[in-house]
Amino acid sequence: MYKLIQKEEFVSVQSAQTGIAKACQQAEKKGVFLRVMRNNQPVGVLLPEKFWQQMLTDMQLLLETVNNTKKVLPRPKLESKAAQLSMIDLISS
């Protein structure tokens, strides 16, 4: 299983500002993304282009899978209001 959190490294705001291109190039070589920190608090994330493209591809495939699953699964039957109320009575008693 692919573990995204293992691909995380930290960089200060100052380091990111002074060398954003270099930081992204180094991150791409290492295969990581960079969490930008200020006063030990996360303020953002830098993703190398290759990493970003992979995430977009993964999200698109996931969306297609969800959409295809919705088409295959039958819709649940809607019960009448009386049936819903009787189920509530059964559960609450």
PDB file of N, CA and C in Angstrom:
ATOM      1  N   MET A   1       0.840  -1.187   0.000  1.00  0.00           N
ATOM      2  CA  MET A   1       0.000   0.000   0.000  1.00  0.00           C
ATOM      3  C   MET A   1       0.879   1.241   0.000  1.00  0.00           C
ATOM      4  N   TYR A   2       0.506   2.219  -0.786  1.00  0.00           N
ATOM      5  CA  TYR A   2       1.249   3.471  -0.907  1.00  0.00           C
ATOM      6  C   TYR A   2       0.970   4.335   0.307  1.00  0.00           C
ATOM      7  N   LYS A   3       2.008   4.728   1.022  1.00  0.00           N
ATOM      8  CA  LYS A   3       1.826   5.546   2.220  1.00  0.00           C
ATOM      9  C   LYS A   3       2.291   6.956   1.935  1.00  0.00           C
ATOM     10  N   LEU A   4       1.327   7.850   1.781  1.00  0.00           N
ATOM     11  CA  LEU A   4       1.607   9.236   1.438  1.00  0.00           C
ATOM     12  C   LEU A   4       2.377   9.951   2.528  1.00  0.00           C
ATOM     13  N   ILE A   5       2.049   9.675   3.781  1.00  0.00           N
ATOM     14  CA  ILE A   5       2.665  10.412   4.877  1.00  0.00           C
ATOM     15  C   ILE A   5       4.170  10.138   4.954  1.00  0.00           C
ATOM     16  N   GLN A   6       4.623   8.999   4.486  1.00  0.00           N
ATOM     17  CA  GLN A   6       6.053   8.700   4.480  1.00  0.00           C
ATOM     18  C   GLN A   6       6.787   9.528   3.435  1.00  0.00           C
ATOM     19  N   LYS A   7       6.048  10.165   2.570  1.00  0.00           N
ATOM     20  CA  LYS A   7       6.640  10.976   1.502  1.00  0.00           C
ATOM     21  C   LYS A   7       6.681  12.448   1.873  1.00  0.00           C
ATOM     22  N   GLU A   8       6.557  12.754   3.164  1.00  0.00           N
ATOM     23  CA  GLU A   8       6.472  14.139   3.617  1.00  0.00           C
ATOM     24  C   GLU A   8       7.794  14.588   4.235  1.00  0.00           C
ATOM     25  N   GLU A   9       8.193  15.807   3.879  1.00  0.00           N
ATOM     26  CA  GLU A   9       9.324  16.465   4.524  1.00  0.00           C
ATOM     27  C   GLU A   9       8.889  17.871   4.885  1.00  0.00           C
ATOM     28  N   PHE A  10       9.639  18.497   5.777  1.00  0.00           N
ATOM     29  CA  PHE A  10       9.264  19.817   6.269  1.00  0.00           C
ATOM     30  C   PHE A  10      10.267  20.864   5.807  1.00  0.00           C
ATOM     31  N   VAL A  11       9.749  22.067   5.561  1.00  0.00           N
ATOM     32  CA  VAL A  11      10.588  23.192   5.156  1.00  0.00           C
ATOM     33  C   VAL A  11      10.016  24.458   5.798  1.00  0.00           C
ATOM     34  N   SER A  12      10.898  25.350   6.195  1.00  0.00           N
ATOM     35  CA  SER A  12      10.429  26.601   6.797  1.00  0.00           C
ATOM     36  C   SER A  12       9.942  27.551   5.706  1.00  0.00           C
ATOM     37  N   VAL A  13       9.134  28.515   6.102  1.00  0.00           N
ATOM     38  CA  VAL A  13       8.643  29.523   5.164  1.00  0.00           C
ATOM     39  C   VAL A  13       9.822  30.252   4.526  1.00  0.00           C
ATOM     40  N   GLN A  14      10.817  30.589   5.341  1.00  0.00           N
ATOM     41  CA  GLN A  14      11.983  31.322   4.842  1.00  0.00           C
ATOM     42  C   GLN A  14      12.729  30.514   3.788  1.00  0.00           C
ATOM     43  N   SER A  15      12.924  29.221   4.045  1.00  0.00           N
ATOM     44  CA  SER A  15      13.617  28.367   3.069  1.00  0.00           C
ATOM     45  C   SER A  15      12.815  28.250   1.782  1.00  0.00           C
ATOM     46  N   ALA A  16      11.509  28.107   1.921  1.00  0.00           N
ATOM     47  CA  ALA A  16      10.655  27.989   0.740  1.00  0.00           C
ATOM     48  C   ALA A  16      10.680  29.273  -0.082  1.00  0.00           C
ATOM     49  N   GLN A  17      10.672  30.424   0.589  1.00  0.00           N
ATOM     50  CA  GLN A  17      10.652  31.702  -0.121  1.00  0.00           C
ATOM     51  C   GLN A  17      11.967  31.951  -0.863  1.00  0.00           C
ATOM     52  N   THR A  18      13.073  31.589  -0.248  1.00  0.00           N
ATOM     53  CA  THR A  18      14.364  31.908  -0.868  1.00  0.00           C
ATOM     54  C   THR A  18      14.724  30.955  -2.000  1.00  0.00           C
ATOM     55  N   GLY A  19      14.192  29.744  -1.976  1.00  0.00           N
ATOM     56  CA  GLY A  19      14.572  28.795  -3.021  1.00  0.00           C
ATOM     57  C   GLY A  19      13.473  27.828  -3.370  1.00  0.00           C
ATOM     58  N   ILE A  20      12.329  28.351  -3.783  1.00  0.00           N
ATOM     59  CA  ILE A  20      11.183  27.483  -4.048  1.00  0.00           C
ATOM     60  C   ILE A  20      11.453  26.514  -5.205  1.00  0.00           C
ATOM     61  N   ALA A  21      12.079  26.976  -6.263  1.00  0.00           N
ATOM     62  CA  ALA A  21      12.355  26.106  -7.411  1.00  0.00           C
ATOM     63  C   ALA A  21      13.329  25.000  -7.011  1.00  0.00           C
ATOM     64  N   LYS A  22      14.359  25.378  -6.285  1.00  0.00           N
ATOM     65  CA  LYS A  22      15.353  24.402  -5.857  1.00  0.00           C
ATOM     66  C   LYS A  22      14.727  23.392  -4.886  1.00  0.00           C
ATOM     67  N   ALA A  23      13.905  23.878  -3.959  1.00  0.00           N
ATOM     68  CA  ALA A  23      13.246  22.995  -2.996  1.00  0.00           C
ATOM     69  C   ALA A  23      12.354  21.984  -3.708  1.00  0.00           C
ATOM     70  N   CYS A  24      11.619  22.441  -4.726  1.00  0.00           N
ATOM     71  CA  CYS A  24      10.741  21.543  -5.474  1.00  0.00           C
ATOM     72  C   CYS A  24      11.540  20.531  -6.295  1.00  0.00           C
ATOM     73  N   GLN A  25      12.642  20.973  -6.858  1.00  0.00           N
ATOM     74  CA  GLN A  25      13.495  20.052  -7.619  1.00  0.00           C
ATOM     75  C   GLN A  25      14.060  18.962  -6.716  1.00  0.00           C
ATOM     76  N   GLN A  26      14.530  19.356  -5.537  1.00  0.00           N
ATOM     77  CA  GLN A  26      15.072  18.374  -4.600  1.00  0.00           C
ATOM     78  C   GLN A  26      13.979  17.423  -4.107  1.00  0.00           C
ATOM     79  N   ALA A  27      12.801  17.966  -3.868  1.00  0.00           N
ATOM     80  CA  ALA A  27      11.686  17.134  -3.423  1.00  0.00           C
ATOM     81  C   ALA A  27      11.299  16.127  -4.501  1.00  0.00           C
ATOM     82  N   GLU A  28      11.323  16.560  -5.760  1.00  0.00           N
ATOM     83  CA  GLU A  28      10.982  15.641  -6.847  1.00  0.00           C
ATOM     84  C   GLU A  28      12.008  14.522  -6.950  1.00  0.00           C
ATOM     85  N   LYS A  29      13.288  14.851  -6.796  1.00  0.00           N
ATOM     86  CA  LYS A  29      14.334  13.822  -6.831  1.00  0.00           C
ATOM     87  C   LYS A  29      14.139  12.798  -5.715  1.00  0.00           C
ATOM     88  N   LYS A  30      13.734  13.272  -4.540  1.00  0.00           N
ATOM     89  CA  LYS A  30      13.526  12.388  -3.390  1.00  0.00           C
ATOM     90  C   LYS A  30      12.173  11.682  -3.431  1.00  0.00           C
ATOM     91  N   GLY A  31      11.256  12.187  -4.265  1.00  0.00           N
ATOM     92  CA  GLY A  31       9.914  11.614  -4.334  1.00  0.00           C
ATOM     93  C   GLY A  31       9.055  11.980  -3.137  1.00  0.00           C
ATOM     94  N   VAL A  32       9.201  13.218  -2.663  1.00  0.00           N
ATOM     95  CA  VAL A  32       8.462  13.672  -1.484  1.00  0.00           C
ATOM     96  C   VAL A  32       7.709  14.959  -1.783  1.00  0.00           C
ATOM     97  N   PHE A  33       6.801  15.327  -0.877  1.00  0.00           N
ATOM     98  CA  PHE A  33       6.204  16.652  -0.916  1.00  0.00           C
ATOM     99  C   PHE A  33       6.684  17.406   0.309  1.00  0.00           C
ATOM    100  N   LEU A  34       6.547  18.712   0.294  1.00  0.00           N
ATOM    101  CA  LEU A  34       7.070  19.555   1.363  1.00  0.00           C
ATOM    102  C   LEU A  34       5.938  20.244   2.116  1.00  0.00           C
ATOM    103  N   ARG A  35       5.926  20.071   3.417  1.00  0.00           N
ATOM    104  CA  ARG A  35       4.979  20.796   4.265  1.00  0.00           C
ATOM    105  C   ARG A  35       5.697  22.050   4.755  1.00  0.00           C
ATOM    106  N   VAL A  36       5.144  23.205   4.440  1.00  0.00           N
ATOM    107  CA  VAL A  36       5.750  24.485   4.803  1.00  0.00           C
ATOM    108  C   VAL A  36       5.305  24.850   6.216  1.00  0.00           C
ATOM    109  N   MET A  37       6.296  25.158   7.064  1.00  0.00           N
ATOM    110  CA  MET A  37       6.032  25.437   8.471  1.00  0.00           C
ATOM    111  C   MET A  37       6.444  26.865   8.831  1.00  0.00           C
ATOM    112  N   ARG A  38       5.664  27.462   9.731  1.00  0.00           N
ATOM    113  CA  ARG A  38       6.005  28.775  10.285  1.00  0.00           C
ATOM    114  C   ARG A  38       5.749  28.707  11.785  1.00  0.00           C
ATOM    115  N   ASN A  39       6.771  28.951  12.559  1.00  0.00           N
ATOM    116  CA  ASN A  39       6.670  28.842  14.022  1.00  0.00           C
ATOM    117  C   ASN A  39       6.119  27.480  14.435  1.00  0.00           C
ATOM    118  N   ASN A  40       6.639  26.436  13.812  1.00  0.00           N
ATOM    119  CA  ASN A  40       6.245  25.042  14.093  1.00  0.00           C
ATOM    120  C   ASN A  40       4.771  24.754  13.817  1.00  0.00           C
ATOM    121  N   GLN A  41       4.144  25.563  12.993  1.00  0.00           N
ATOM    122  CA  GLN A  41       2.757  25.352  12.594  1.00  0.00           C
ATOM    123  C   GLN A  41       2.704  25.198  11.070  1.00  0.00           C
ATOM    124  N   PRO A  42       1.974  24.197  10.560  1.00  0.00           N
ATOM    125  CA  PRO A  42       1.860  24.033   9.110  1.00  0.00           C
ATOM    126  C   PRO A  42       1.059  25.176   8.492  1.00  0.00           C
ATOM    127  N   VAL A  43       1.584  25.740   7.396  1.00  0.00           N
ATOM    128  CA  VAL A  43       0.886  26.821   6.708  1.00  0.00           C
ATOM    129  C   VAL A  43       0.579  26.493   5.249  1.00  0.00           C
ATOM    130  N   GLY A  44       1.143  25.417   4.745  1.00  0.00           N
ATOM    131  CA  GLY A  44       0.885  25.062   3.361  1.00  0.00           C
ATOM    132  C   GLY A  44       1.685  23.850   2.941  1.00  0.00           C
ATOM    133  N   VAL A  45       1.535  23.501   1.673  1.00  0.00           N
ATOM    134  CA  VAL A  45       2.209  22.331   1.118  1.00  0.00           C
ATOM    135  C   VAL A  45       2.744  22.690  -0.261  1.00  0.00           C
ATOM    136  N   LEU A  46       3.959  22.254  -0.532  1.00  0.00           N
ATOM    137  CA  LEU A  46       4.542  22.392  -1.865  1.00  0.00           C
ATOM    138  C   LEU A  46       4.622  21.009  -2.496  1.00  0.00           C
ATOM    139  N   LEU A  47       4.083  20.907  -3.702  1.00  0.00           N
ATOM    140  CA  LEU A  47       4.119  19.636  -4.416  1.00  0.00           C
ATOM    141  C   LEU A  47       4.938  19.795  -5.689  1.00  0.00           C
ATOM    142  N   PRO A  48       5.917  18.934  -5.906  1.00  0.00           N
ATOM    143  CA  PRO A  48       6.600  18.938  -7.197  1.00  0.00           C
ATOM    144  C   PRO A  48       5.597  18.584  -8.304  1.00  0.00           C
ATOM    145  N   GLU A  49       5.828  19.066  -9.497  1.00  0.00           N
ATOM    146  CA  GLU A  49       4.896  18.878 -10.609  1.00  0.00           C
ATOM    147  C   GLU A  49       4.574  17.401 -10.851  1.00  0.00           C
ATOM    148  N   LYS A  50       5.570  16.550 -10.830  1.00  0.00           N
ATOM    149  CA  LYS A  50       5.362  15.115 -11.074  1.00  0.00           C
ATOM    150  C   LYS A  50       4.426  14.526 -10.012  1.00  0.00           C
ATOM    151  N   PHE A  51       4.645  14.899  -8.772  1.00  0.00           N
ATOM    152  CA  PHE A  51       3.813  14.443  -7.663  1.00  0.00           C
ATOM    153  C   PHE A  51       2.368  14.908  -7.862  1.00  0.00           C
ATOM    154  N   TRP A  52       2.211  16.166  -8.226  1.00  0.00           N
ATOM    155  CA  TRP A  52       0.882  16.745  -8.464  1.00  0.00           C
ATOM    156  C   TRP A  52       0.156  16.013  -9.589  1.00  0.00           C
ATOM    157  N   GLN A  53       0.846  15.754 -10.689  1.00  0.00           N
ATOM    158  CA  GLN A  53       0.234  15.059 -11.817  1.00  0.00           C
ATOM    159  C   GLN A  53      -0.213  13.652 -11.416  1.00  0.00           C
ATOM    160  N   GLN A  54       0.601  12.969 -10.619  1.00  0.00           N
ATOM    161  CA  GLN A  54       0.223  11.633 -10.147  1.00  0.00           C
ATOM    162  C   GLN A  54      -1.034  11.700  -9.274  1.00  0.00           C
ATOM    163  N   MET A  55      -1.099  12.704  -8.411  1.00  0.00           N
ATOM    164  CA  MET A  55      -2.281  12.854  -7.551  1.00  0.00           C
ATOM    165  C   MET A  55      -3.526  13.148  -8.380  1.00  0.00           C
ATOM    166  N   LEU A  56      -3.398  14.008  -9.399  1.00  0.00           N
ATOM    167  CA  LEU A  56      -4.546  14.307 -10.267  1.00  0.00           C
ATOM    168  C   LEU A  56      -5.034  13.053 -10.981  1.00  0.00           C
ATOM    169  N   THR A  57      -4.106  12.252 -11.472  1.00  0.00           N
ATOM    170  CA  THR A  57      -4.461  11.005 -12.149  1.00  0.00           C
ATOM    171  C   THR A  57      -5.182  10.073 -11.190  1.00  0.00           C
ATOM    172  N   ASP A  58      -4.653   9.929  -9.984  1.00  0.00           N
ATOM    173  CA  ASP A  58      -5.279   9.066  -8.980  1.00  0.00           C
ATOM    174  C   ASP A  58      -6.684   9.550  -8.631  1.00  0.00           C
ATOM    175  N   MET A  59      -6.842  10.863  -8.452  1.00  0.00           N
ATOM    176  CA  MET A  59      -8.159  11.415  -8.113  1.00  0.00           C
ATOM    177  C   MET A  59      -9.149  11.204  -9.257  1.00  0.00           C
ATOM    178  N   GLN A  60      -8.691  11.357 -10.492  1.00  0.00           N
ATOM    179  CA  GLN A  60      -9.569  11.153 -11.647  1.00  0.00           C
ATOM    180  C   GLN A  60     -10.029   9.699 -11.721  1.00  0.00           C
ATOM    181  N   LEU A  61      -9.109   8.762 -11.496  1.00  0.00           N
ATOM    182  CA  LEU A  61      -9.475   7.345 -11.505  1.00  0.00           C
ATOM    183  C   LEU A  61     -10.451   7.020 -10.374  1.00  0.00           C
ATOM    184  N   LEU A  62     -10.219   7.603  -9.221  1.00  0.00           N
ATOM    185  CA  LEU A  62     -11.127   7.385  -8.098  1.00  0.00           C
ATOM    186  C   LEU A  62     -12.520   7.925  -8.404  1.00  0.00           C
ATOM    187  N   LEU A  63     -12.584   9.107  -8.985  1.00  0.00           N
ATOM    188  CA  LEU A  63     -13.866   9.698  -9.347  1.00  0.00           C
ATOM    189  C   LEU A  63     -14.598   8.836 -10.378  1.00  0.00           C
ATOM    190  N   GLU A  64     -13.867   8.346 -11.354  1.00  0.00           N
ATOM    191  CA  GLU A  64     -14.486   7.481 -12.364  1.00  0.00           C
ATOM    192  C   GLU A  64     -15.003   6.199 -11.727  1.00  0.00           C
ATOM    193  N   THR A  65     -14.252   5.644 -10.785  1.00  0.00           N
ATOM    194  CA  THR A  65     -14.681   4.427 -10.094  1.00  0.00           C
ATOM    195  C   THR A  65     -15.956   4.683  -9.309  1.00  0.00           C
ATOM    196  N   VAL A  66     -16.008   5.797  -8.598  1.00  0.00           N
ATOM    197  CA  VAL A  66     -17.206   6.142  -7.828  1.00  0.00           C
ATOM    198  C   VAL A  66     -18.396   6.330  -8.753  1.00  0.00           C
ATOM    199  N   ASN A  67     -18.201   7.045  -9.846  1.00  0.00           N
ATOM    200  CA  ASN A  67     -19.301   7.270 -10.794  1.00  0.00           C
ATOM    201  C   ASN A  67     -19.776   5.965 -11.410  1.00  0.00           C
ATOM    202  N   ASN A  68     -18.858   5.071 -11.765  1.00  0.00           N
ATOM    203  CA  ASN A  68     -19.244   3.777 -12.341  1.00  0.00           C
ATOM    204  C   ASN A  68     -19.970   2.917 -11.318  1.00  0.00           C
ATOM    205  N   THR A  69     -19.546   2.987 -10.062  1.00  0.00           N
ATOM    206  CA  THR A  69     -20.199   2.222  -9.009  1.00  0.00           C
ATOM    207  C   THR A  69     -21.622   2.709  -8.797  1.00  0.00           C
ATOM    208  N   LYS A  70     -21.827   4.015  -8.875  1.00  0.00           N
ATOM    209  CA  LYS A  70     -23.176   4.567  -8.713  1.00  0.00           C
ATOM    210  C   LYS A  70     -24.111   4.048  -9.798  1.00  0.00           C
ATOM    211  N   LYS A  71     -23.582   3.860 -11.008  1.00  0.00           N
ATOM    212  CA  LYS A  71     -24.403   3.391 -12.121  1.00  0.00           C
ATOM    213  C   LYS A  71     -24.786   1.926 -11.933  1.00  0.00           C
ATOM    214  N   VAL A  72     -23.913   1.139 -11.310  1.00  0.00           N
ATOM    215  CA  VAL A  72     -24.134  -0.300 -11.176  1.00  0.00           C
ATOM    216  C   VAL A  72     -25.039  -0.623  -9.993  1.00  0.00           C
ATOM    217  N   LEU A  73     -24.879   0.081  -8.885  1.00  0.00           N
ATOM    218  CA  LEU A  73     -25.649  -0.212  -7.688  1.00  0.00           C
ATOM    219  C   LEU A  73     -27.105   0.209  -7.862  1.00  0.00           C
ATOM    220  N   PRO A  74     -28.020  -0.638  -7.413  1.00  0.00           N
ATOM    221  CA  PRO A  74     -29.437  -0.264  -7.509  1.00  0.00           C
ATOM    222  C   PRO A  74     -29.757   0.823  -6.493  1.00  0.00           C
ATOM    223  N   ARG A  75     -30.679   1.666  -6.851  1.00  0.00           N
ATOM    224  CA  ARG A  75     -31.115   2.719  -5.934  1.00  0.00           C
ATOM    225  C   ARG A  75     -31.965   2.091  -4.836  1.00  0.00           C
ATOM    226  N   PRO A  76     -31.805   2.558  -3.610  1.00  0.00           N
ATOM    227  CA  PRO A  76     -32.646   2.014  -2.538  1.00  0.00           C
ATOM    228  C   PRO A  76     -34.103   2.423  -2.743  1.00  0.00           C
ATOM    229  N   LYS A  77     -34.996   1.529  -2.361  1.00  0.00           N
ATOM    230  CA  LYS A  77     -36.420   1.831  -2.488  1.00  0.00           C
ATOM    231  C   LYS A  77     -36.811   2.795  -1.385  1.00  0.00           C
ATOM    232  N   LEU A  78     -37.577   3.784  -1.754  1.00  0.00           N
ATOM    233  CA  LEU A  78     -38.049   4.749  -0.778  1.00  0.00           C
ATOM    234  C   LEU A  78     -39.274   4.180  -0.080  1.00  0.00           C
ATOM    235  N   GLU A  79     -39.228   4.191   1.238  1.00  0.00           N
ATOM    236  CA  GLU A  79     -40.358   3.685   2.002  1.00  0.00           C
ATOM    237  C   GLU A  79     -41.371   4.802   2.208  1.00  0.00           C
ATOM    238  N   SER A  80     -42.582   4.409   2.464  1.00  0.00           N
ATOM    239  CA  SER A  80     -43.618   5.402   2.728  1.00  0.00           C
ATOM    240  C   SER A  80     -43.335   6.084   4.059  1.00  0.00           C
ATOM    241  N   LYS A  81     -43.908   7.246   4.256  1.00  0.00           N
ATOM    242  CA  LYS A  81     -43.727   8.001   5.489  1.00  0.00           C
ATOM    243  C   LYS A  81     -44.193   7.173   6.690  1.00  0.00           C
ATOM    244  N   ALA A  82     -45.281   6.431   6.530  1.00  0.00           N
ATOM    245  CA  ALA A  82     -45.811   5.613   7.620  1.00  0.00           C
ATOM    246  C   ALA A  82     -44.812   4.513   7.998  1.00  0.00           C
ATOM    247  N   ALA A  83     -44.184   3.896   7.004  1.00  0.00           N
ATOM    248  CA  ALA A  83     -43.200   2.847   7.270  1.00  0.00           C
ATOM    249  C   ALA A  83     -41.982   3.425   7.976  1.00  0.00           C
ATOM    250  N   GLN A  84     -41.559   4.620   7.577  1.00  0.00           N
ATOM    251  CA  GLN A  84     -40.414   5.258   8.226  1.00  0.00           C
ATOM    252  C   GLN A  84     -40.730   5.567   9.679  1.00  0.00           C
ATOM    253  N   LEU A  85     -41.948   6.061   9.941  1.00  0.00           N
ATOM    254  CA  LEU A  85     -42.337   6.390  11.310  1.00  0.00           C
ATOM    255  C   LEU A  85     -42.434   5.136  12.170  1.00  0.00           C
ATOM    256  N   SER A  86     -42.922   4.036  11.600  1.00  0.00           N
ATOM    257  CA  SER A  86     -43.019   2.809  12.388  1.00  0.00           C
ATOM    258  C   SER A  86     -41.620   2.271  12.709  1.00  0.00           C
ATOM    259  N   MET A  87     -40.658   2.443  11.815  1.00  0.00           N
ATOM    260  CA  MET A  87     -39.283   2.028  12.085  1.00  0.00           C
ATOM    261  C   MET A  87     -38.703   2.878  13.219  1.00  0.00           C
ATOM    262  N   ILE A  88     -39.002   4.150  13.225  1.00  0.00           N
ATOM    263  CA  ILE A  88     -38.522   5.042  14.298  1.00  0.00           C
ATOM    264  C   ILE A  88     -39.116   4.601  15.631  1.00  0.00           C
ATOM    265  N   ASP A  89     -40.407   4.236  15.626  1.00  0.00           N
ATOM    266  CA  ASP A  89     -41.055   3.765  16.846  1.00  0.00           C
ATOM    267  C   ASP A  89     -40.387   2.495  17.357  1.00  0.00           C
ATOM    268  N   LEU A  90     -40.049   1.568  16.456  1.00  0.00           N
ATOM    269  CA  LEU A  90     -39.402   0.328  16.845  1.00  0.00           C
ATOM    270  C   LEU A  90     -38.023   0.572  17.435  1.00  0.00           C
ATOM    271  N   ILE A  91     -37.283   1.471  16.840  1.00  0.00           N
ATOM    272  CA  ILE A  91     -35.936   1.758  17.288  1.00  0.00           C
ATOM    273  C   ILE A  91     -35.951   2.453  18.641  1.00  0.00           C
ATOM    274  N   SER A  92     -36.887   3.373  18.833  1.00  0.00           N
ATOM    275  CA  SER A  92     -36.896   4.159  20.074  1.00  0.00           C
ATOM    276  C   SER A  92     -37.504   3.392  21.244  1.00  0.00           C
ATOM    277  N   SER A  93     -38.191   2.284  20.983  1.00  0.00           N
ATOM    278  CA  SER A  93     -38.784   1.544  22.101  1.00  0.00           C
ATOM    279  C   SER A  93     -37.895   0.461  22.647  1.00  0.00           C
TER     280      SER A  93
END
